[in-house]
Amino acid sequence: MNMPIKPPEHLGSVIERWKQRQDEWTKLDASVKAAPLIGEMLADLEALGKASDDELNLTDAARVSGYSPDHLSRLVRDGKLSNYGRRGAPRVKRSELPVRSSNRVAANARNAYDVSADVRSLGTRR
């Protein structure tokens, strides 16, 4: 039962493949050894994980990383990110992208900007 594993394109193709096998085995009332079956499933999942390391254009990479396409383009020009595309149409690997911290806003309400306090401080300066 060791079939060569073709890397799946996306999660949907992996799910569809295993649903088809399940239907086939159900019709045949088949029993299989668990270890090889789990090995095939894991191989599909590993291939799916590698597929998530796809090369992205800068617009898609910006959505993933939180940085602007211009900033990512600058990183490519400066050699801080590898260009897997061509000049003028850079592509970057998802695994190499820097990820922008999402906590750019104050962590709690006490540290947030307070309009009233700002108005009071302006009033005391006059």
PDB file of N, CA and C in Angstrom:
ATOM      1  N   MET A   1       0.808  -1.190   0.000  1.00  0.00           N
ATOM      2  CA  MET A   1       0.000   0.000   0.000  1.00  0.00           C
ATOM      3  C   MET A   1       0.854   1.256   0.000  1.00  0.00           C
ATOM      4  N   ASN A   2       2.168   1.181  -0.115  1.00  0.00           N
ATOM      5  CA  ASN A   2       3.037   2.347  -0.161  1.00  0.00           C
ATOM      6  C   ASN A   2       2.993   2.977  -1.535  1.00  0.00           C
ATOM      7  N   MET A   3       2.090   3.911  -1.704  1.00  0.00           N
ATOM      8  CA  MET A   3       1.958   4.624  -2.965  1.00  0.00           C
ATOM      9  C   MET A   3       2.815   5.875  -2.891  1.00  0.00           C
ATOM     10  N   PRO A   4       3.405   6.302  -4.007  1.00  0.00           N
ATOM     11  CA  PRO A   4       4.152   7.556  -3.970  1.00  0.00           C
ATOM     12  C   PRO A   4       3.191   8.700  -3.658  1.00  0.00           C
ATOM     13  N   ILE A   5       3.617   9.565  -2.773  1.00  0.00           N
ATOM     14  CA  ILE A   5       2.758  10.660  -2.352  1.00  0.00           C
ATOM     15  C   ILE A   5       3.022  11.878  -3.225  1.00  0.00           C
ATOM     16  N   LYS A   6       1.977  12.321  -3.898  1.00  0.00           N
ATOM     17  CA  LYS A   6       2.062  13.541  -4.684  1.00  0.00           C
ATOM     18  C   LYS A   6       1.753  14.704  -3.743  1.00  0.00           C
ATOM     19  N   PRO A   7       2.583  15.733  -3.709  1.00  0.00           N
ATOM     20  CA  PRO A   7       2.304  16.836  -2.797  1.00  0.00           C
ATOM     21  C   PRO A   7       0.942  17.450  -3.088  1.00  0.00           C
ATOM     22  N   PRO A   8       0.097  17.583  -2.074  1.00  0.00           N
ATOM     23  CA  PRO A   8      -1.222  18.151  -2.290  1.00  0.00           C
ATOM     24  C   PRO A   8      -1.143  19.649  -2.521  1.00  0.00           C
ATOM     25  N   GLU A   9      -2.097  20.177  -3.254  1.00  0.00           N
ATOM     26  CA  GLU A   9      -2.093  21.608  -3.526  1.00  0.00           C
ATOM     27  C   GLU A   9      -2.640  22.392  -2.348  1.00  0.00           C
ATOM     28  N   HIS A  10      -3.637  21.838  -1.688  1.00  0.00           N
ATOM     29  CA  HIS A  10      -4.222  22.540  -0.554  1.00  0.00           C
ATOM     30  C   HIS A  10      -4.965  21.538   0.318  1.00  0.00           C
ATOM     31  N   LEU A  11      -5.435  22.013   1.449  1.00  0.00           N
ATOM     32  CA  LEU A  11      -6.102  21.154   2.423  1.00  0.00           C
ATOM     33  C   LEU A  11      -7.305  20.439   1.817  1.00  0.00           C
ATOM     34  N   GLY A  12      -8.055  21.119   0.981  1.00  0.00           N
ATOM     35  CA  GLY A  12      -9.236  20.521   0.359  1.00  0.00           C
ATOM     36  C   GLY A  12      -8.905  19.272  -0.447  1.00  0.00           C
ATOM     37  N   SER A  13      -7.761  19.278  -1.136  1.00  0.00           N
ATOM     38  CA  SER A  13      -7.390  18.108  -1.936  1.00  0.00           C
ATOM     39  C   SER A  13      -7.017  16.928  -1.046  1.00  0.00           C
ATOM     40  N   VAL A  14      -6.405  17.205   0.105  1.00  0.00           N
ATOM     41  CA  VAL A  14      -6.058  16.132   1.047  1.00  0.00           C
ATOM     42  C   VAL A  14      -7.328  15.522   1.618  1.00  0.00           C
ATOM     43  N   ILE A  15      -8.244  16.363   2.027  1.00  0.00           N
ATOM     44  CA  ILE A  15      -9.506  15.873   2.593  1.00  0.00           C
ATOM     45  C   ILE A  15     -10.267  15.057   1.556  1.00  0.00           C
ATOM     46  N   GLU A  16     -10.343  15.551   0.331  1.00  0.00           N
ATOM     47  CA  GLU A  16     -11.067  14.836  -0.732  1.00  0.00           C
ATOM     48  C   GLU A  16     -10.435  13.473  -1.006  1.00  0.00           C
ATOM     49  N   ARG A  17      -9.108  13.440  -1.037  1.00  0.00           N
ATOM     50  CA  ARG A  17      -8.406  12.168  -1.286  1.00  0.00           C
ATOM     51  C   ARG A  17      -8.766  11.135  -0.222  1.00  0.00           C
ATOM     52  N   TRP A  18      -8.759  11.537   1.046  1.00  0.00           N
ATOM     53  CA  TRP A  18      -9.029  10.586   2.122  1.00  0.00           C
ATOM     54  C   TRP A  18     -10.509  10.227   2.213  1.00  0.00           C
ATOM     55  N   LYS A  19     -11.395  11.119   1.811  1.00  0.00           N
ATOM     56  CA  LYS A  19     -12.822  10.780   1.752  1.00  0.00           C
ATOM     57  C   LYS A  19     -13.070   9.724   0.676  1.00  0.00           C
ATOM     58  N   GLN A  20     -12.411   9.879  -0.466  1.00  0.00           N
ATOM     59  CA  GLN A  20     -12.561   8.891  -1.548  1.00  0.00           C
ATOM     60  C   GLN A  20     -12.059   7.530  -1.099  1.00  0.00           C
ATOM     61  N   ARG A  21     -10.920   7.516  -0.430  1.00  0.00           N
ATOM     62  CA  ARG A  21     -10.386   6.237   0.053  1.00  0.00           C
ATOM     63  C   ARG A  21     -11.319   5.619   1.083  1.00  0.00           C
ATOM     64  N   GLN A  22     -11.869   6.456   1.966  1.00  0.00           N
ATOM     65  CA  GLN A  22     -12.800   5.955   2.975  1.00  0.00           C
ATOM     66  C   GLN A  22     -14.023   5.333   2.305  1.00  0.00           C
ATOM     67  N   ASP A  23     -14.586   6.017   1.307  1.00  0.00           N
ATOM     68  CA  ASP A  23     -15.758   5.483   0.601  1.00  0.00           C
ATOM     69  C   ASP A  23     -15.427   4.150  -0.074  1.00  0.00           C
ATOM     70  N   GLU A  24     -14.258   4.097  -0.730  1.00  0.00           N
ATOM     71  CA  GLU A  24     -13.834   2.872  -1.413  1.00  0.00           C
ATOM     72  C   GLU A  24     -13.690   1.725  -0.422  1.00  0.00           C
ATOM     73  N   TRP A  25     -13.023   1.983   0.694  1.00  0.00           N
ATOM     74  CA  TRP A  25     -12.792   0.927   1.685  1.00  0.00           C
ATOM     75  C   TRP A  25     -14.091   0.510   2.366  1.00  0.00           C
ATOM     76  N   THR A  26     -15.019   1.459   2.528  1.00  0.00           N
ATOM     77  CA  THR A  26     -16.314   1.130   3.126  1.00  0.00           C
ATOM     78  C   THR A  26     -17.085   0.186   2.211  1.00  0.00           C
ATOM     79  N   LYS A  27     -17.089   0.460   0.902  1.00  0.00           N
ATOM     80  CA  LYS A  27     -17.779  -0.397  -0.067  1.00  0.00           C
ATOM     81  C   LYS A  27     -17.191  -1.804  -0.065  1.00  0.00           C
ATOM     82  N   LEU A  28     -15.873  -1.891   0.101  1.00  0.00           N
ATOM     83  CA  LEU A  28     -15.205  -3.192   0.077  1.00  0.00           C
ATOM     84  C   LEU A  28     -15.176  -3.857   1.452  1.00  0.00           C
ATOM     85  N   ASP A  29     -15.659  -3.156   2.470  1.00  0.00           N
ATOM     86  CA  ASP A  29     -15.585  -3.637   3.850  1.00  0.00           C
ATOM     87  C   ASP A  29     -14.142  -4.051   4.171  1.00  0.00           C
ATOM     88  N   ALA A  30     -13.203  -3.154   3.829  1.00  0.00           N
ATOM     89  CA  ALA A  30     -11.779  -3.458   3.955  1.00  0.00           C
ATOM     90  C   ALA A  30     -11.267  -3.159   5.359  1.00  0.00           C
ATOM     91  N   SER A  31     -10.302  -3.954   5.773  1.00  0.00           N
ATOM     92  CA  SER A  31      -9.551  -3.709   6.992  1.00  0.00           C
ATOM     93  C   SER A  31      -8.111  -3.439   6.588  1.00  0.00           C
ATOM     94  N   VAL A  32      -7.502  -2.452   7.204  1.00  0.00           N
ATOM     95  CA  VAL A  32      -6.129  -2.101   6.856  1.00  0.00           C
ATOM     96  C   VAL A  32      -5.289  -2.017   8.115  1.00  0.00           C
ATOM     97  N   LYS A  33      -3.965  -2.140   7.922  1.00  0.00           N
ATOM     98  CA  LYS A  33      -3.045  -1.959   9.038  1.00  0.00           C
ATOM     99  C   LYS A  33      -2.947  -0.465   9.327  1.00  0.00           C
ATOM    100  N   ALA A  34      -3.007  -0.124  10.586  1.00  0.00           N
ATOM    101  CA  ALA A  34      -3.051   1.286  10.974  1.00  0.00           C
ATOM    102  C   ALA A  34      -1.740   2.021  10.720  1.00  0.00           C
ATOM    103  N   ALA A  35      -0.618   1.402  11.004  1.00  0.00           N
ATOM    104  CA  ALA A  35       0.668   2.102  10.904  1.00  0.00           C
ATOM    105  C   ALA A  35       0.949   2.626   9.486  1.00  0.00           C
ATOM    106  N   PRO A  36       0.816   1.796   8.435  1.00  0.00           N
ATOM    107  CA  PRO A  36       1.059   2.342   7.089  1.00  0.00           C
ATOM    108  C   PRO A  36       0.040   3.425   6.704  1.00  0.00           C
ATOM    109  N   LEU A  37      -1.198   3.242   7.151  1.00  0.00           N
ATOM    110  CA  LEU A  37      -2.228   4.225   6.840  1.00  0.00           C
ATOM    111  C   LEU A  37      -1.903   5.574   7.489  1.00  0.00           C
ATOM    112  N   ILE A  38      -1.519   5.526   8.743  1.00  0.00           N
ATOM    113  CA  ILE A  38      -1.149   6.755   9.442  1.00  0.00           C
ATOM    114  C   ILE A  38       0.086   7.372   8.792  1.00  0.00           C
ATOM    115  N   GLY A  39       1.012   6.532   8.335  1.00  0.00           N
ATOM    116  CA  GLY A  39       2.199   7.028   7.641  1.00  0.00           C
ATOM    117  C   GLY A  39       1.829   7.814   6.394  1.00  0.00           C
ATOM    118  N   GLU A  40       0.868   7.308   5.626  1.00  0.00           N
ATOM    119  CA  GLU A  40       0.423   8.023   4.422  1.00  0.00           C
ATOM    120  C   GLU A  40      -0.248   9.337   4.773  1.00  0.00           C
ATOM    121  N   MET A  41      -1.077   9.304   5.817  1.00  0.00           N
ATOM    122  CA  MET A  41      -1.752  10.535   6.237  1.00  0.00           C
ATOM    123  C   MET A  41      -0.732  11.584   6.683  1.00  0.00           C
ATOM    124  N   LEU A  42       0.264  11.154   7.469  1.00  0.00           N
ATOM    125  CA  LEU A  42       1.297  12.075   7.930  1.00  0.00           C
ATOM    126  C   LEU A  42       2.111  12.633   6.763  1.00  0.00           C
ATOM    127  N   ALA A  43       2.385  11.809   5.782  1.00  0.00           N
ATOM    128  CA  ALA A  43       3.122  12.275   4.605  1.00  0.00           C
ATOM    129  C   ALA A  43       2.327  13.356   3.874  1.00  0.00           C
ATOM    130  N   ASP A  44       1.013  13.158   3.772  1.00  0.00           N
ATOM    131  CA  ASP A  44       0.170  14.179   3.150  1.00  0.00           C
ATOM    132  C   ASP A  44       0.196  15.476   3.952  1.00  0.00           C
ATOM    133  N   LEU A  45       0.123  15.362   5.260  1.00  0.00           N
ATOM    134  CA  LEU A  45       0.135  16.555   6.108  1.00  0.00           C
ATOM    135  C   LEU A  45       1.484  17.271   6.036  1.00  0.00           C
ATOM    136  N   GLU A  46       2.577  16.501   5.992  1.00  0.00           N
ATOM    137  CA  GLU A  46       3.903  17.113   5.861  1.00  0.00           C
ATOM    138  C   GLU A  46       4.025  17.843   4.528  1.00  0.00           C
ATOM    139  N   ALA A  47       3.521  17.224   3.465  1.00  0.00           N
ATOM    140  CA  ALA A  47       3.559  17.871   2.150  1.00  0.00           C
ATOM    141  C   ALA A  47       2.718  19.136   2.154  1.00  0.00           C
ATOM    142  N   LEU A  48       1.601  19.085   2.863  1.00  0.00           N
ATOM    143  CA  LEU A  48       0.748  20.265   2.977  1.00  0.00           C
ATOM    144  C   LEU A  48       1.475  21.377   3.732  1.00  0.00           C
ATOM    145  N   GLY A  49       2.205  21.002   4.778  1.00  0.00           N
ATOM    146  CA  GLY A  49       2.991  21.980   5.527  1.00  0.00           C
ATOM    147  C   GLY A  49       4.062  22.615   4.667  1.00  0.00           C
ATOM    148  N   LYS A  50       4.713  21.822   3.834  1.00  0.00           N
ATOM    149  CA  LYS A  50       5.737  22.370   2.942  1.00  0.00           C
ATOM    150  C   LYS A  50       5.110  23.268   1.897  1.00  0.00           C
ATOM    151  N   ALA A  51       3.903  22.931   1.468  1.00  0.00           N
ATOM    152  CA  ALA A  51       3.210  23.761   0.481  1.00  0.00           C
ATOM    153  C   ALA A  51       2.861  25.121   1.062  1.00  0.00           C
ATOM    154  N   SER A  52       2.708  25.201   2.397  1.00  0.00           N
ATOM    155  CA  SER A  52       2.399  26.491   3.014  1.00  0.00           C
ATOM    156  C   SER A  52       3.613  27.403   3.021  1.00  0.00           C
ATOM    157  N   ASP A  53       4.775  26.863   2.664  1.00  0.00           N
ATOM    158  CA  ASP A  53       5.993  27.655   2.572  1.00  0.00           C
ATOM    159  C   ASP A  53       6.143  28.219   1.162  1.00  0.00           C
ATOM    160  N   ASP A  54       5.003  28.385   0.500  1.00  0.00           N
ATOM    161  CA  ASP A  54       5.002  28.882  -0.868  1.00  0.00           C
ATOM    162  C   ASP A  54       5.640  30.251  -0.972  1.00  0.00           C
ATOM    163  N   GLU A  55       6.021  30.557  -2.172  1.00  0.00           N
ATOM    164  CA  GLU A  55       6.521  31.886  -2.473  1.00  0.00           C
ATOM    165  C   GLU A  55       5.325  32.797  -2.690  1.00  0.00           C
ATOM    166  N   LEU A  56       5.394  33.998  -2.156  1.00  0.00           N
ATOM    167  CA  LEU A  56       4.298  34.953  -2.233  1.00  0.00           C
ATOM    168  C   LEU A  56       4.763  36.221  -2.934  1.00  0.00           C
ATOM    169  N   ASN A  57       3.834  36.871  -3.650  1.00  0.00           N
ATOM    170  CA  ASN A  57       4.166  38.193  -4.157  1.00  0.00           C
ATOM    171  C   ASN A  57       4.111  39.171  -2.991  1.00  0.00           C
ATOM    172  N   LEU A  58       4.567  40.386  -3.192  1.00  0.00           N
ATOM    173  CA  LEU A  58       4.691  41.313  -2.068  1.00  0.00           C
ATOM    174  C   LEU A  58       3.339  41.737  -1.498  1.00  0.00           C
ATOM    175  N   THR A  59       2.297  41.772  -2.310  1.00  0.00           N
ATOM    176  CA  THR A  59       0.969  42.130  -1.810  1.00  0.00           C
ATOM    177  C   THR A  59       0.459  41.068  -0.851  1.00  0.00           C
ATOM    178  N   ASP A  60       0.577  39.796  -1.256  1.00  0.00           N
ATOM    179  CA  ASP A  60       0.142  38.705  -0.373  1.00  0.00           C
ATOM    180  C   ASP A  60       1.041  38.612   0.858  1.00  0.00           C
ATOM    181  N   ALA A  61       2.333  38.827   0.658  1.00  0.00           N
ATOM    182  CA  ALA A  61       3.275  38.776   1.778  1.00  0.00           C
ATOM    183  C   ALA A  61       2.972  39.881   2.784  1.00  0.00           C
ATOM    184  N   ALA A  62       2.510  41.025   2.299  1.00  0.00           N
ATOM    185  CA  ALA A  62       2.160  42.130   3.195  1.00  0.00           C
ATOM    186  C   ALA A  62       0.975  41.748   4.075  1.00  0.00           C
ATOM    187  N   ARG A  63      -0.008  41.063   3.495  1.00  0.00           N
ATOM    188  CA  ARG A  63      -1.166  40.610   4.281  1.00  0.00           C
ATOM    189  C   ARG A  63      -0.752  39.623   5.358  1.00  0.00           C
ATOM    190  N   VAL A  64       0.175  38.744   5.030  1.00  0.00           N
ATOM    191  CA  VAL A  64       0.616  37.722   5.977  1.00  0.00           C
ATOM    192  C   VAL A  64       1.474  38.329   7.085  1.00  0.00           C
ATOM    193  N   SER A  65       2.375  39.229   6.718  1.00  0.00           N
ATOM    194  CA  SER A  65       3.369  39.724   7.679  1.00  0.00           C
ATOM    195  C   SER A  65       2.913  40.929   8.491  1.00  0.00           C
ATOM    196  N   GLY A  66       2.020  41.736   7.923  1.00  0.00           N
ATOM    197  CA  GLY A  66       1.624  42.961   8.610  1.00  0.00           C
ATOM    198  C   GLY A  66       2.446  44.163   8.184  1.00  0.00           C
ATOM    199  N   TYR A  67       3.473  43.954   7.375  1.00  0.00           N
ATOM    200  CA  TYR A  67       4.277  45.054   6.845  1.00  0.00           C
ATOM    201  C   TYR A  67       3.740  45.455   5.480  1.00  0.00           C
ATOM    202  N   SER A  68       4.025  46.667   5.056  1.00  0.00           N
ATOM    203  CA  SER A  68       3.554  47.142   3.759  1.00  0.00           C
ATOM    204  C   SER A  68       4.377  46.511   2.635  1.00  0.00           C
ATOM    205  N   PRO A  69       3.797  46.440   1.433  1.00  0.00           N
ATOM    206  CA  PRO A  69       4.569  45.941   0.286  1.00  0.00           C
ATOM    207  C   PRO A  69       5.831  46.768   0.035  1.00  0.00           C
ATOM    208  N   ASP A  70       5.754  48.085   0.273  1.00  0.00           N
ATOM    209  CA  ASP A  70       6.935  48.943   0.081  1.00  0.00           C
ATOM    210  C   ASP A  70       8.050  48.569   1.048  1.00  0.00           C
ATOM    211  N   HIS A  71       7.678  48.309   2.300  1.00  0.00           N
ATOM    212  CA  HIS A  71       8.693  47.931   3.291  1.00  0.00           C
ATOM    213  C   HIS A  71       9.330  46.590   2.918  1.00  0.00           C
ATOM    214  N   LEU A  72       8.501  45.643   2.503  1.00  0.00           N
ATOM    215  CA  LEU A  72       9.029  44.332   2.110  1.00  0.00           C
ATOM    216  C   LEU A  72       9.925  44.466   0.879  1.00  0.00           C
ATOM    217  N   SER A  73       9.533  45.338  -0.045  1.00  0.00           N
ATOM    218  CA  SER A  73      10.356  45.581  -1.232  1.00  0.00           C
ATOM    219  C   SER A  73      11.716  46.141  -0.826  1.00  0.00           C
ATOM    220  N   ARG A  74      11.724  47.033   0.151  1.00  0.00           N
ATOM    221  CA  ARG A  74      12.974  47.594   0.654  1.00  0.00           C
ATOM    222  C   ARG A  74      13.845  46.507   1.276  1.00  0.00           C
ATOM    223  N   LEU A  75      13.219  45.589   2.024  1.00  0.00           N
ATOM    224  CA  LEU A  75      13.980  44.489   2.625  1.00  0.00           C
ATOM    225  C   LEU A  75      14.607  43.598   1.555  1.00  0.00           C
ATOM    226  N   VAL A  76      13.876  43.384   0.451  1.00  0.00           N
ATOM    227  CA  VAL A  76      14.414  42.583  -0.660  1.00  0.00           C
ATOM    228  C   VAL A  76      15.589  43.318  -1.295  1.00  0.00           C
ATOM    229  N   ARG A  77      15.417  44.619  -1.551  1.00  0.00           N
ATOM    230  CA  ARG A  77      16.503  45.416  -2.157  1.00  0.00           C
ATOM    231  C   ARG A  77      17.743  45.432  -1.282  1.00  0.00           C
ATOM    232  N   ASP A  78      17.531  45.513   0.039  1.00  0.00           N
ATOM    233  CA  ASP A  78      18.670  45.567   0.967  1.00  0.00           C
ATOM    234  C   ASP A  78      19.279  44.196   1.225  1.00  0.00           C
ATOM    235  N   GLY A  79      18.693  43.143   0.671  1.00  0.00           N
ATOM    236  CA  GLY A  79      19.224  41.798   0.846  1.00  0.00           C
ATOM    237  C   GLY A  79      18.832  41.141   2.157  1.00  0.00           C
ATOM    238  N   LYS A  80      17.925  41.760   2.900  1.00  0.00           N
ATOM    239  CA  LYS A  80      17.485  41.177   4.167  1.00  0.00           C
ATOM    240  C   LYS A  80      16.435  40.099   3.956  1.00  0.00           C
ATOM    241  N   LEU A  81      15.785  40.121   2.790  1.00  0.00           N
ATOM    242  CA  LEU A  81      14.863  39.062   2.361  1.00  0.00           C
ATOM    243  C   LEU A  81      15.335  38.570   1.003  1.00  0.00           C
ATOM    244  N   SER A  82      15.315  37.264   0.811  1.00  0.00           N
ATOM    245  CA  SER A  82      15.723  36.700  -0.477  1.00  0.00           C
ATOM    246  C   SER A  82      14.619  36.894  -1.506  1.00  0.00           C
ATOM    247  N   ASN A  83      15.015  37.192  -2.732  1.00  0.00           N
ATOM    248  CA  ASN A  83      14.070  37.342  -3.833  1.00  0.00           C
ATOM    249  C   ASN A  83      14.014  36.037  -4.615  1.00  0.00           C
ATOM    250  N   TYR A  84      12.868  35.375  -4.577  1.00  0.00           N
ATOM    251  CA  TYR A  84      12.688  34.120  -5.300  1.00  0.00           C
ATOM    252  C   TYR A  84      11.973  34.339  -6.624  1.00  0.00           C
ATOM    253  N   GLY A  85      11.683  35.595  -6.917  1.00  0.00           N
ATOM    254  CA  GLY A  85      11.048  35.929  -8.186  1.00  0.00           C
ATOM    255  C   GLY A  85      12.076  36.487  -9.139  1.00  0.00           C
ATOM    256  N   ARG A  86      11.680  37.503  -9.855  1.00  0.00           N
ATOM    257  CA  ARG A  86      12.608  38.158 -10.762  1.00  0.00           C
ATOM    258  C   ARG A  86      12.627  39.647 -10.459  1.00  0.00           C
ATOM    259  N   ARG A  87      13.589  40.325 -11.011  1.00  0.00           N
ATOM    260  CA  ARG A  87      13.709  41.767 -10.782  1.00  0.00           C
ATOM    261  C   ARG A  87      12.433  42.455 -11.282  1.00  0.00           C
ATOM    262  N   GLY A  88      11.876  43.304 -10.458  1.00  0.00           N
ATOM    263  CA  GLY A  88      10.638  43.990 -10.818  1.00  0.00           C
ATOM    264  C   GLY A  88       9.394  43.246 -10.371  1.00  0.00           C
ATOM    265  N   ALA A  89       9.534  41.970 -10.078  1.00  0.00           N
ATOM    266  CA  ALA A  89       8.407  41.155  -9.593  1.00  0.00           C
ATOM    267  C   ALA A  89       8.926  40.205  -8.513  1.00  0.00           C
ATOM    268  N   PRO A  90       9.354  40.769  -7.388  1.00  0.00           N
ATOM    269  CA  PRO A  90       9.939  39.920  -6.346  1.00  0.00           C
ATOM    270  C   PRO A  90       8.919  38.995  -5.714  1.00  0.00           C
ATOM    271  N   ARG A  91       9.404  37.868  -5.252  1.00  0.00           N
ATOM    272  CA  ARG A  91       8.597  36.904  -4.511  1.00  0.00           C
ATOM    273  C   ARG A  91       9.415  36.503  -3.294  1.00  0.00           C
ATOM    274  N   VAL A  92       8.735  36.290  -2.171  1.00  0.00           N
ATOM    275  CA  VAL A  92       9.405  35.914  -0.932  1.00  0.00           C
ATOM    276  C   VAL A  92       8.755  34.672  -0.363  1.00  0.00           C
ATOM    277  N   LYS A  93       9.518  33.926   0.417  1.00  0.00           N
ATOM    278  CA  LYS A  93       8.971  32.726   1.051  1.00  0.00           C
ATOM    279  C   LYS A  93       8.275  33.106   2.346  1.00  0.00           C
ATOM    280  N   ARG A  94       7.144  32.475   2.560  1.00  0.00           N
ATOM    281  CA  ARG A  94       6.346  32.721   3.757  1.00  0.00           C
ATOM    282  C   ARG A  94       7.168  32.499   5.026  1.00  0.00           C
ATOM    283  N   SER A  95       7.991  31.460   5.035  1.00  0.00           N
ATOM    284  CA  SER A  95       8.762  31.131   6.240  1.00  0.00           C
ATOM    285  C   SER A  95       9.838  32.162   6.553  1.00  0.00           C
ATOM    286  N   GLU A  96      10.232  32.978   5.579  1.00  0.00           N
ATOM    287  CA  GLU A  96      11.285  33.969   5.790  1.00  0.00           C
ATOM    288  C   GLU A  96      10.735  35.352   6.133  1.00  0.00           C
ATOM    289  N   LEU A  97       9.422  35.503   6.093  1.00  0.00           N
ATOM    290  CA  LEU A  97       8.826  36.818   6.336  1.00  0.00           C
ATOM    291  C   LEU A  97       8.959  37.241   7.785  1.00  0.00           C
ATOM    292  N   PRO A  98       9.303  38.504   8.009  1.00  0.00           N
ATOM    293  CA  PRO A  98       9.211  39.015   9.375  1.00  0.00           C
ATOM    294  C   PRO A  98       7.732  39.201   9.693  1.00  0.00           C
ATOM    295  N   VAL A  99       7.356  39.026  10.933  1.00  0.00           N
ATOM    296  CA  VAL A  99       5.955  39.200  11.313  1.00  0.00           C
ATOM    297  C   VAL A  99       5.868  40.379  12.263  1.00  0.00           C
ATOM    298  N   ARG A 100       5.061  41.322  11.879  1.00  0.00           N
ATOM    299  CA  ARG A 100       4.918  42.541  12.664  1.00  0.00           C
ATOM    300  C   ARG A 100       4.108  42.258  13.918  1.00  0.00           C
ATOM    301  N   SER A 101       4.571  42.779  15.022  1.00  0.00           N
ATOM    302  CA  SER A 101       3.873  42.607  16.289  1.00  0.00           C
ATOM    303  C   SER A 101       2.508  43.269  16.200  1.00  0.00           C
ATOM    304  N   SER A 102       1.494  42.598  16.709  1.00  0.00           N
ATOM    305  CA  SER A 102       0.141  43.137  16.624  1.00  0.00           C
ATOM    306  C   SER A 102      -0.198  44.031  17.806  1.00  0.00           C
ATOM    307  N   ASN A 103       0.683  44.149  18.781  1.00  0.00           N
ATOM    308  CA  ASN A 103       0.368  44.955  19.949  1.00  0.00           C
ATOM    309  C   ASN A 103       0.955  46.361  19.825  1.00  0.00           C
ATOM    310  N   ARG A 104       0.582  47.043  18.747  1.00  0.00           N
ATOM    311  CA  ARG A 104       1.042  48.406  18.533  1.00  0.00           C
ATOM    312  C   ARG A 104       0.185  49.396  19.310  1.00  0.00           C
ATOM    313  N   VAL A 105      -0.993  48.988  19.735  1.00  0.00           N
ATOM    314  CA  VAL A 105      -1.889  49.828  20.504  1.00  0.00           C
ATOM    315  C   VAL A 105      -1.641  49.540  21.975  1.00  0.00           C
ATOM    316  N   ALA A 106      -1.944  50.486  22.823  1.00  0.00           N
ATOM    317  CA  ALA A 106      -1.726  50.308  24.255  1.00  0.00           C
ATOM    318  C   ALA A 106      -2.354  49.009  24.732  1.00  0.00           C
ATOM    319  N   ALA A 107      -1.651  48.324  25.612  1.00  0.00           N
ATOM    320  CA  ALA A 107      -2.083  47.010  26.066  1.00  0.00           C
ATOM    321  C   ALA A 107      -3.351  47.066  26.902  1.00  0.00           C
ATOM    322  N   ASN A 108      -3.545  48.140  27.663  1.00  0.00           N
ATOM    323  CA  ASN A 108      -4.769  48.230  28.445  1.00  0.00           C
ATOM    324  C   ASN A 108      -5.273  49.658  28.437  1.00  0.00           C
ATOM    325  N   ALA A 109      -6.456  49.868  28.978  1.00  0.00           N
ATOM    326  CA  ALA A 109      -7.102  51.173  28.909  1.00  0.00           C
ATOM    327  C   ALA A 109      -6.329  52.238  29.678  1.00  0.00           C
ATOM    328  N   ARG A 110      -5.593  51.860  30.727  1.00  0.00           N
ATOM    329  CA  ARG A 110      -4.850  52.854  31.502  1.00  0.00           C
ATOM    330  C   ARG A 110      -3.773  53.525  30.665  1.00  0.00           C
ATOM    331  N   ASN A 111      -3.197  52.804  29.707  1.00  0.00           N
ATOM    332  CA  ASN A 111      -2.138  53.366  28.884  1.00  0.00           C
ATOM    333  C   ASN A 111      -2.652  54.005  27.608  1.00  0.00           C
ATOM    334  N   ALA A 112      -3.945  53.901  27.365  1.00  0.00           N
ATOM    335  CA  ALA A 112      -4.515  54.450  26.143  1.00  0.00           C
ATOM    336  C   ALA A 112      -4.581  55.971  26.235  1.00  0.00           C
ATOM    337  N   TYR A 113      -4.695  56.622  25.120  1.00  0.00           N
ATOM    338  CA  TYR A 113      -4.786  58.073  25.064  1.00  0.00           C
ATOM    339  C   TYR A 113      -6.073  58.531  25.733  1.00  0.00           C
ATOM    340  N   ASP A 114      -5.962  59.506  26.611  1.00  0.00           N
ATOM    341  CA  ASP A 114      -7.113  60.035  27.337  1.00  0.00           C
ATOM    342  C   ASP A 114      -7.303  61.492  26.922  1.00  0.00           C
ATOM    343  N   VAL A 115      -8.385  61.759  26.195  1.00  0.00           N
ATOM    344  CA  VAL A 115      -8.659  63.101  25.683  1.00  0.00           C
ATOM    345  C   VAL A 115      -8.850  64.074  26.833  1.00  0.00           C
ATOM    346  N   SER A 116      -9.601  63.670  27.846  1.00  0.00           N
ATOM    347  CA  SER A 116      -9.885  64.561  28.979  1.00  0.00           C
ATOM    348  C   SER A 116      -8.601  64.983  29.679  1.00  0.00           C
ATOM    349  N   ALA A 117      -7.702  64.050  29.886  1.00  0.00           N
ATOM    350  CA  ALA A 117      -6.438  64.373  30.543  1.00  0.00           C
ATOM    351  C   ALA A 117      -5.621  65.325  29.686  1.00  0.00           C
ATOM    352  N   ASP A 118      -5.683  65.153  28.374  1.00  0.00           N
ATOM    353  CA  ASP A 118      -4.945  66.031  27.480  1.00  0.00           C
ATOM    354  C   ASP A 118      -5.513  67.442  27.548  1.00  0.00           C
ATOM    355  N   VAL A 119      -6.843  67.576  27.560  1.00  0.00           N
ATOM    356  CA  VAL A 119      -7.483  68.883  27.651  1.00  0.00           C
ATOM    357  C   VAL A 119      -7.134  69.544  28.979  1.00  0.00           C
ATOM    358  N   ARG A 120      -7.169  68.797  30.074  1.00  0.00           N
ATOM    359  CA  ARG A 120      -6.813  69.348  31.388  1.00  0.00           C
ATOM    360  C   ARG A 120      -5.373  69.840  31.413  1.00  0.00           C
ATOM    361  N   SER A 121      -4.470  69.071  30.812  1.00  0.00           N
ATOM    362  CA  SER A 121      -3.064  69.481  30.823  1.00  0.00           C
ATOM    363  C   SER A 121      -2.865  70.738  29.983  1.00  0.00           C
ATOM    364  N   LEU A 122      -3.609  70.920  28.915  1.00  0.00           N
ATOM    365  CA  LEU A 122      -3.510  72.142  28.119  1.00  0.00           C
ATOM    366  C   LEU A 122      -4.062  73.327  28.889  1.00  0.00           C
ATOM    367  N   GLY A 123      -5.130  73.088  29.651  1.00  0.00           N
ATOM    368  CA  GLY A 123      -5.736  74.161  30.436  1.00  0.00           C
ATOM    369  C   GLY A 123      -4.823  74.670  31.527  1.00  0.00           C
ATOM    370  N   THR A 124      -4.022  73.807  32.106  1.00  0.00           N
ATOM    371  CA  THR A 124      -3.126  74.225  33.198  1.00  0.00           C
ATOM    372  C   THR A 124      -1.897  74.957  32.660  1.00  0.00           C
ATOM    373  N   ARG A 125      -1.599  74.860  31.403  1.00  0.00           N
ATOM    374  CA  ARG A 125      -0.426  75.529  30.817  1.00  0.00           C
ATOM    375  C   ARG A 125      -0.682  76.990  30.545  1.00  0.00           C
ATOM    376  N   ARG A 126      -1.923  77.434  30.503  1.00  0.00           N
ATOM    377  CA  ARG A 126      -2.249  78.827  30.159  1.00  0.00           C
ATOM    378  C   ARG A 126      -2.234  79.701  31.316  1.00  0.00           C
TER     379      ARG A 126
END
